[in-house]
Amino acid sequence: MQTVTVNLVSTPAQRGYPIHIGANILAQPELILDYLGQKRVAIVTNTTVGPLYLDKFRADLSVHGIVSVPIVLPDGEEYKNWETLNLIFDALLTHRCERNTPVIALGGGVVGDLAGFAAATYLRGVPFIQVPTTLLAQVDSSVGGKTGINHPLGKNMIGAFYQPQAVMADTSTLDTLPDRELRAGIAEVIKYGLIRDPAFFDWLESHVDALLERDNSMLIEAIERSCQHKAEVVEADERESGMRALLNLGHTFGHAIENAMGYGNWLHGEAVAAGTMLAAEVSRRMGMIDEGEVERIRNLYVKAGLPVIAPNLGPEKYLRLMGLDKKVQGGKMRFILLENIGRAAVHADVPAAILTEVLTECTADA
């Protein structure tokens, strides 16, 4: 098992939490006992993950005298909304969960975002623990405290920053993850190499096949390195007032794709991969990177089995949807662009002509 620590400095005290990464650690509830605070917890999961892991997890907790309230949600990005959030509140209230009753998220990014938002707002805040079961959640959404739900007009537009007290990333849960979901998670792993670690990008070019084959040691290394990067960025900019925005490489385009195609039809990682290719092409046309670098990025995504061509929504629809992005400031869209492989920056000066050209020439009918 490897452990990465997120250290957050705030007034008046320093906060921090561990990210435990390893195989079969779901069967080690002692890793989180110190964060439970009482003998009752609420476990939020969904109809896919629940049948696989919920009963065993609850039984392992019960050995330590912990009684759990199961809350099983429907599975899918399309359920990341107010109605599903209220199912969590209904259960917490029905079972008279108190302010010191921890909420544990057992599942992927949708479960984590919903459970985290519920924990942030129920009784104005209860303890929260992440137990991510997808690669995407283990390397990204379970770390950093972003929680929330989607709105018909935009993805993740309603939510809160609310840090977990601990994260347990069990790589054994990836054994039951569909291949498509695994590939989608690799898209977020590649992101870290692109924005701040060229050596990691090189490593991924050599080891992506091992990740696809679910080599456990390679998965642990990729998750640990990704979480270390996420931790460092979050420590420096917890509430995304500066450098944390770099973690959104490809997301401005990607969120537009998810929204336009219908939440759940394109997986988040798939949309991010296609969106990153659009960002790379904008970067090339603005003279920041060359065609060789664009080709390296494209080849790695192809090797990972991810889409590299974004759907043709038309420039007008892309621009309208991207205008709802959280990074818009003063009415101006800001884009995360690549200055080379391993370095990204925020740009609000993308010429409209280049943006229109890319959205016209580098997309295709789905």
Protein backbone atom coordinates (compact mmCIF):
# COMPACT_ATOMS: atom_id res chain seq x y z
CA MET A 1 0.00 0.00 0.00
CA GLN A 2 1.13 3.54 -0.81
CA THR A 3 -0.11 6.65 0.95
CA VAL A 4 -0.17 10.18 -0.46
CA THR A 5 -1.03 13.01 1.92
CA VAL A 6 -2.93 16.15 0.97
CA ASN A 7 -1.85 19.01 3.25
CA LEU A 8 -4.15 22.02 3.27
CA VAL A 9 -3.24 25.18 5.13
CA SER A 10 -6.08 27.40 6.24
CA THR A 11 -6.85 29.78 9.06
CA PRO A 12 -6.74 28.95 11.90
CA ALA A 13 -5.41 25.42 11.47
CA GLN A 14 -3.77 23.10 9.01
CA ARG A 15 -5.94 20.37 7.57
CA GLY A 16 -4.83 17.28 5.76
CA TYR A 17 -5.94 13.81 4.76
CA PRO A 18 -4.42 10.56 3.52
CA ILE A 19 -5.00 8.85 0.19
CA HIS A 20 -4.38 5.13 0.68
CA ILE A 21 -3.65 3.25 -2.55
CA GLY A 22 -3.32 -0.52 -2.82
CA ALA A 23 -4.88 -3.87 -3.59
CA ASN A 24 -7.62 -5.27 -1.33
CA ILE A 25 -7.53 -2.36 1.11
CA LEU A 26 -11.34 -2.19 1.02
CA ALA A 27 -11.11 -5.10 3.48
CA GLN A 28 -9.06 -2.94 5.87
CA PRO A 29 -11.63 -0.59 7.45
CA GLU A 30 -9.14 0.10 10.24
CA LEU A 31 -7.59 2.58 7.78
CA ILE A 32 -10.58 4.88 8.29
CA LEU A 33 -11.76 4.04 11.82
CA ASP A 34 -10.04 7.10 13.27
CA TYR A 35 -12.18 9.32 11.02
CA LEU A 36 -15.59 7.85 11.81
CA GLY A 37 -16.24 9.59 15.13
CA GLN A 38 -19.18 7.38 16.07
CA LYS A 39 -20.49 3.85 15.62
CA ARG A 40 -22.80 4.66 12.71
CA VAL A 41 -22.08 5.67 9.12
CA ALA A 42 -24.08 6.22 5.94
CA ILE A 43 -22.69 4.50 2.83
CA VAL A 44 -23.73 5.96 -0.52
CA THR A 45 -23.28 3.65 -3.51
CA ASN A 46 -25.17 2.74 -6.69
CA THR A 47 -26.94 -0.20 -8.29
CA THR A 48 -23.77 -1.33 -10.10
CA VAL A 49 -21.16 -1.04 -7.34
CA GLY A 50 -23.45 -1.95 -4.46
CA PRO A 51 -24.01 -5.61 -5.41
CA LEU A 52 -20.24 -6.06 -5.83
CA TYR A 53 -18.85 -4.50 -2.66
CA LEU A 54 -21.49 -3.11 -0.30
CA ASP A 55 -22.33 -6.20 1.77
CA LYS A 56 -18.69 -7.16 2.33
CA PHE A 57 -17.73 -3.58 3.22
CA ARG A 58 -20.60 -3.32 5.70
CA ALA A 59 -19.66 -6.68 7.24
CA ASP A 60 -16.03 -5.63 7.65
CA LEU A 61 -17.14 -2.42 9.35
CA SER A 62 -19.50 -4.34 11.64
CA VAL A 63 -16.55 -6.33 13.00
CA HIS A 64 -15.43 -3.05 14.53
CA GLY A 65 -18.90 -2.31 15.88
CA ILE A 66 -19.84 0.09 13.08
CA VAL A 67 -23.50 0.06 12.00
CA SER A 68 -24.07 1.32 8.46
CA VAL A 69 -27.02 2.87 6.67
CA PRO A 70 -26.92 1.84 2.98
CA ILE A 71 -28.08 4.39 0.39
CA VAL A 72 -28.21 2.86 -3.10
CA LEU A 73 -28.64 5.28 -6.01
CA PRO A 74 -29.36 4.64 -9.69
CA ASP A 75 -26.19 4.40 -11.77
CA GLY A 76 -25.24 6.89 -14.46
CA GLU A 77 -24.13 10.45 -15.15
CA GLU A 78 -27.72 11.27 -16.11
CA TYR A 79 -28.70 10.81 -12.44
CA LYS A 80 -26.24 13.40 -11.15
CA ASN A 81 -29.02 15.86 -10.38
CA TRP A 82 -31.23 17.37 -7.65
CA GLU A 83 -33.66 14.45 -7.66
CA THR A 84 -30.94 11.90 -6.89
CA LEU A 85 -29.33 14.21 -4.35
CA ASN A 86 -32.65 14.34 -2.52
CA LEU A 87 -32.66 10.54 -2.28
CA ILE A 88 -29.55 10.86 -0.11
CA PHE A 89 -31.13 13.57 2.05
CA ASP A 90 -34.31 11.48 2.39
CA ALA A 91 -32.31 8.52 3.70
CA LEU A 92 -30.16 10.61 6.06
CA LEU A 93 -33.23 12.24 7.56
CA THR A 94 -35.26 9.04 7.74
CA HIS A 95 -32.48 7.33 9.66
CA ARG A 96 -31.93 10.40 11.84
CA CYS A 97 -28.30 10.73 10.90
CA GLU A 98 -26.55 13.32 13.04
CA ARG A 99 -23.92 15.98 12.48
CA ASN A 100 -21.14 13.54 13.40
CA THR A 101 -22.50 10.69 11.24
CA PRO A 102 -19.94 10.23 8.44
CA VAL A 103 -21.02 9.84 4.83
CA ILE A 104 -18.91 7.34 2.88
CA ALA A 105 -18.95 7.41 -0.92
CA LEU A 106 -18.48 3.90 -2.34
CA GLY A 107 -18.38 4.16 -6.10
CA GLY A 108 -17.17 6.21 -9.03
CA GLY A 109 -17.10 9.92 -9.67
CA VAL A 110 -20.86 10.41 -9.81
CA VAL A 111 -21.36 8.73 -6.43
CA GLY A 112 -18.47 10.70 -4.95
CA ASP A 113 -19.73 14.03 -6.26
CA LEU A 114 -23.30 13.40 -5.06
CA ALA A 115 -22.30 12.02 -1.66
CA GLY A 116 -19.78 14.80 -1.15
CA PHE A 117 -22.29 17.52 -1.96
CA ALA A 118 -24.80 15.88 0.38
CA ALA A 119 -22.15 15.71 3.13
CA ALA A 120 -21.26 19.38 2.58
CA THR A 121 -24.84 20.54 2.96
CA TYR A 122 -26.63 18.06 5.27
CA LEU A 123 -26.87 19.71 8.69
CA ARG A 124 -24.43 22.26 7.19
CA GLY A 125 -21.68 19.70 6.98
CA VAL A 126 -20.97 16.15 8.16
CA PRO A 127 -17.75 14.08 7.91
CA PHE A 128 -17.04 12.65 4.47
CA ILE A 129 -14.86 9.74 3.28
CA GLN A 130 -14.15 8.71 -0.31
CA VAL A 131 -13.86 5.06 -1.37
CA PRO A 132 -13.49 5.38 -5.16
CA THR A 133 -13.98 2.25 -7.26
CA THR A 134 -13.16 3.55 -10.75
CA LEU A 135 -9.79 4.62 -12.10
CA LEU A 136 -11.10 8.06 -12.98
CA ALA A 137 -12.35 8.62 -9.44
CA GLN A 138 -9.16 7.23 -7.89
CA VAL A 139 -6.86 9.59 -9.80
CA ASP A 140 -9.06 12.67 -9.94
CA SER A 141 -12.55 13.24 -8.58
CA SER A 142 -12.07 11.63 -5.14
CA VAL A 143 -9.17 14.00 -4.35
CA GLY A 144 -9.43 17.74 -3.91
CA GLY A 145 -12.89 18.33 -2.51
CA LYS A 146 -14.89 19.25 -5.60
CA THR A 147 -18.45 18.03 -5.17
CA GLY A 148 -21.64 18.81 -7.03
CA ILE A 149 -24.34 18.00 -9.52
CA ASN A 150 -25.10 18.77 -13.14
CA HIS A 151 -27.67 21.21 -14.46
CA PRO A 152 -29.34 20.90 -17.88
CA LEU A 153 -27.42 24.02 -18.92
CA GLY A 154 -24.01 22.90 -17.68
CA LYS A 155 -21.94 20.18 -16.02
CA ASN A 156 -20.96 20.53 -12.35
CA MET A 157 -22.42 24.03 -12.17
CA ILE A 158 -23.94 23.50 -8.69
CA GLY A 159 -21.78 22.25 -5.85
CA ALA A 160 -19.32 22.99 -3.08
CA PHE A 161 -15.67 22.61 -2.19
CA TYR A 162 -15.73 20.03 0.61
CA GLN A 163 -12.67 17.97 1.41
CA PRO A 164 -12.87 14.33 2.48
CA GLN A 165 -11.25 13.19 5.70
CA ALA A 166 -9.65 10.20 3.98
CA VAL A 167 -9.55 8.41 0.62
CA MET A 168 -9.24 4.64 0.13
CA ALA A 169 -8.35 3.72 -3.46
CA ASP A 170 -8.51 -0.06 -3.75
CA THR A 171 -6.99 -1.15 -7.06
CA SER A 172 -8.72 -4.54 -6.77
CA THR A 173 -12.03 -2.83 -7.54
CA LEU A 174 -10.65 -2.08 -11.00
CA ASP A 175 -10.84 -5.81 -11.78
CA THR A 176 -14.61 -5.45 -12.19
CA LEU A 177 -14.41 -2.15 -14.07
CA PRO A 178 -15.58 -2.37 -17.71
CA ASP A 179 -12.81 -1.79 -20.27
CA ARG A 180 -14.47 1.39 -21.49
CA GLU A 181 -14.50 2.85 -17.98
CA LEU A 182 -10.86 1.91 -17.46
CA ARG A 183 -9.86 3.68 -20.67
CA ALA A 184 -11.84 6.74 -19.60
CA GLY A 185 -9.85 6.84 -16.37
CA ILE A 186 -6.57 6.68 -18.26
CA ALA A 187 -7.55 9.95 -19.96
CA GLU A 188 -7.30 11.72 -16.60
CA VAL A 189 -3.97 10.01 -15.87
CA ILE A 190 -2.56 11.29 -19.19
CA LYS A 191 -3.68 14.79 -18.23
CA TYR A 192 -1.15 14.98 -15.39
CA GLY A 193 1.70 14.21 -17.76
CA LEU A 194 0.50 16.83 -20.20
CA ILE A 195 0.09 19.69 -17.74
CA ARG A 196 3.09 19.26 -15.41
CA ASP A 197 5.19 16.11 -15.80
CA PRO A 198 6.79 15.30 -19.17
CA ALA A 199 8.65 12.33 -17.64
CA PHE A 200 5.29 10.85 -16.56
CA PHE A 201 3.99 11.34 -20.11
CA ASP A 202 7.04 9.42 -21.38
CA TRP A 203 6.34 6.69 -18.81
CA LEU A 204 2.74 6.42 -19.96
CA GLU A 205 3.80 6.05 -23.58
CA SER A 206 5.80 2.99 -22.50
CA HIS A 207 3.35 1.55 -19.95
CA VAL A 208 -0.17 2.30 -21.18
CA ASP A 209 -0.50 -1.29 -22.45
CA ALA A 210 0.24 -2.59 -18.95
CA LEU A 211 -2.44 -0.29 -17.53
CA LEU A 212 -4.96 -1.58 -20.05
CA GLU A 213 -4.00 -5.13 -19.05
CA ARG A 214 -4.65 -4.13 -15.39
CA ASP A 215 -1.13 -4.83 -14.17
CA ASN A 216 -1.61 -4.05 -10.47
CA SER A 217 1.86 -2.68 -9.78
CA MET A 218 1.64 -0.39 -12.80
CA LEU A 219 -1.83 0.77 -11.78
CA ILE A 220 -0.66 1.56 -8.25
CA GLU A 221 2.26 3.57 -9.65
CA ALA A 222 0.05 5.50 -12.07
CA ILE A 223 -2.54 6.24 -9.38
CA GLU A 224 0.10 7.27 -6.84
CA ARG A 225 1.85 9.62 -9.28
CA SER A 226 -1.47 11.10 -10.39
CA CYS A 227 -2.64 11.64 -6.80
CA GLN A 228 0.68 13.23 -5.88
CA HIS A 229 0.23 15.75 -8.68
CA LYS A 230 -3.38 16.39 -7.71
CA ALA A 231 -2.39 16.84 -4.06
CA GLU A 232 0.35 19.35 -4.91
CA VAL A 233 -1.98 21.41 -7.06
CA VAL A 234 -4.81 21.37 -4.52
CA GLU A 235 -2.41 22.30 -1.71
CA ALA A 236 -1.32 25.35 -3.68
CA ASP A 237 -4.79 26.38 -4.83
CA GLU A 238 -7.62 24.65 -2.99
CA ARG A 239 -10.48 26.71 -4.43
CA GLU A 240 -9.26 27.08 -8.00
CA SER A 241 -8.35 30.75 -7.95
CA GLY A 242 -5.21 30.11 -9.99
CA MET A 243 -3.13 27.10 -10.94
CA ARG A 244 -5.79 24.48 -10.08
CA ALA A 245 -7.57 25.53 -13.27
CA LEU A 246 -4.80 23.71 -15.16
CA LEU A 247 -6.39 20.42 -14.04
CA ASN A 248 -9.20 21.28 -16.45
CA LEU A 249 -7.15 20.69 -19.60
CA GLY A 250 -9.64 19.54 -22.24
CA HIS A 251 -12.58 20.01 -19.89
CA THR A 252 -14.02 23.21 -21.37
CA PHE A 253 -14.48 21.43 -24.70
CA GLY A 254 -15.21 18.11 -22.98
CA HIS A 255 -18.03 19.39 -20.80
CA ALA A 256 -19.66 20.91 -23.89
CA ILE A 257 -19.47 17.50 -25.57
CA GLU A 258 -21.01 15.72 -22.58
CA ASN A 259 -23.82 18.24 -22.36
CA ALA A 260 -24.61 18.28 -26.08
CA MET A 261 -24.46 14.52 -26.55
CA GLY A 262 -26.52 13.85 -23.41
CA TYR A 263 -24.92 13.08 -20.05
CA GLY A 264 -23.69 9.50 -20.01
CA ASN A 265 -23.53 8.94 -23.77
CA TRP A 266 -19.93 10.09 -23.82
CA LEU A 267 -18.02 9.11 -20.68
CA HIS A 268 -16.26 11.99 -18.96
CA GLY A 269 -12.79 10.68 -19.80
CA GLU A 270 -13.74 10.15 -23.44
CA ALA A 271 -14.99 13.73 -23.72
CA VAL A 272 -11.84 15.01 -21.99
CA ALA A 273 -9.61 13.11 -24.44
CA ALA A 274 -11.41 14.54 -27.48
CA GLY A 275 -11.50 17.96 -25.81
CA THR A 276 -7.78 17.82 -25.12
CA MET A 277 -7.11 17.15 -28.79
CA LEU A 278 -9.08 20.31 -29.62
CA ALA A 279 -7.05 22.23 -27.02
CA ALA A 280 -3.83 20.81 -28.47
CA GLU A 281 -4.83 21.91 -31.95
CA VAL A 282 -5.65 25.41 -30.72
CA SER A 283 -2.25 25.45 -29.01
CA ARG A 284 -0.53 24.41 -32.25
CA ARG A 285 -2.29 27.05 -34.32
CA MET A 286 -1.29 29.68 -31.78
CA GLY A 287 2.34 28.65 -32.19
CA MET A 288 2.83 27.09 -28.74
CA ILE A 289 3.43 23.46 -29.71
CA ASP A 290 4.32 21.79 -32.99
CA GLU A 291 2.67 19.08 -35.04
CA GLY A 292 5.04 16.46 -33.63
CA GLU A 293 3.80 17.11 -30.10
CA VAL A 294 0.17 17.01 -31.23
CA GLU A 295 0.89 13.67 -32.90
CA ARG A 296 2.46 12.25 -29.72
CA ILE A 297 -0.64 13.20 -27.76
CA ARG A 298 -2.93 11.75 -30.39
CA ASN A 299 -0.95 8.50 -30.56
CA LEU A 300 -1.11 7.99 -26.79
CA TYR A 301 -4.86 8.50 -26.73
CA VAL A 302 -5.28 6.10 -29.65
CA LYS A 303 -3.07 3.54 -27.88
CA ALA A 304 -5.29 3.93 -24.80
CA GLY A 305 -8.39 3.31 -26.91
CA LEU A 306 -9.75 6.83 -26.43
CA PRO A 307 -11.50 9.06 -28.99
CA VAL A 308 -9.36 11.72 -30.63
CA ILE A 309 -12.04 13.31 -32.84
CA ALA A 310 -14.69 15.44 -31.14
CA PRO A 311 -18.27 15.38 -32.43
CA ASN A 312 -19.31 18.09 -34.87
CA LEU A 313 -21.73 20.22 -32.86
CA GLY A 314 -21.07 23.31 -34.96
CA PRO A 315 -18.95 26.22 -33.68
CA GLU A 316 -22.01 28.16 -32.50
CA LYS A 317 -23.23 25.38 -30.22
CA TYR A 318 -19.75 24.73 -28.84
CA LEU A 319 -19.28 28.42 -28.08
CA ARG A 320 -22.69 28.71 -26.46
CA LEU A 321 -22.11 25.71 -24.20
CA MET A 322 -18.54 26.72 -23.39
CA GLY A 323 -19.80 30.17 -22.45
CA LEU A 324 -21.39 28.49 -19.40
CA ASP A 325 -18.04 27.11 -18.26
CA LYS A 326 -16.96 27.84 -14.67
CA LYS A 327 -13.69 29.33 -15.92
CA VAL A 328 -15.45 32.20 -17.72
CA GLN A 329 -14.44 35.50 -16.14
CA GLY A 330 -15.73 38.92 -17.08
CA GLY A 331 -17.66 37.33 -19.92
CA LYS A 332 -14.43 36.00 -21.48
CA MET A 333 -13.79 32.32 -22.03
CA ARG A 334 -10.51 31.04 -20.62
CA PHE A 335 -8.84 27.97 -22.08
CA ILE A 336 -6.18 25.64 -20.71
CA LEU A 337 -3.62 25.37 -23.51
CA LEU A 338 -0.33 23.49 -23.87
CA GLU A 339 2.94 25.38 -24.10
CA ASN A 340 4.68 22.03 -24.49
CA ILE A 341 4.14 18.48 -23.28
CA GLY A 342 4.49 18.90 -19.54
CA ARG A 343 3.50 22.55 -19.25
CA ALA A 344 0.08 24.17 -19.54
CA ALA A 345 -1.26 27.67 -18.95
CA VAL A 346 -4.56 29.54 -18.84
CA HIS A 347 -5.24 31.72 -21.88
CA ALA A 348 -8.09 34.18 -22.34
CA ASP A 349 -6.72 35.54 -25.60
CA VAL A 350 -7.63 32.79 -28.07
CA PRO A 351 -8.46 34.46 -31.38
CA ALA A 352 -12.06 33.81 -32.39
CA ALA A 353 -10.95 32.87 -35.90
CA ILE A 354 -8.66 30.09 -34.63
CA LEU A 355 -11.33 28.77 -32.29
CA THR A 356 -13.91 28.68 -35.09
CA GLU A 357 -11.46 27.00 -37.46
CA VAL A 358 -10.61 24.27 -34.96
CA LEU A 359 -14.24 23.62 -34.10
CA THR A 360 -15.04 23.39 -37.80
CA GLU A 361 -12.04 21.51 -39.18
CA CYS A 362 -11.12 19.20 -36.27
CA THR A 363 -14.54 17.71 -35.50
CA ALA A 364 -16.59 15.09 -37.30
CA ASP A 365 -20.21 13.99 -37.42
CA ALA A 366 -20.81 11.45 -34.66
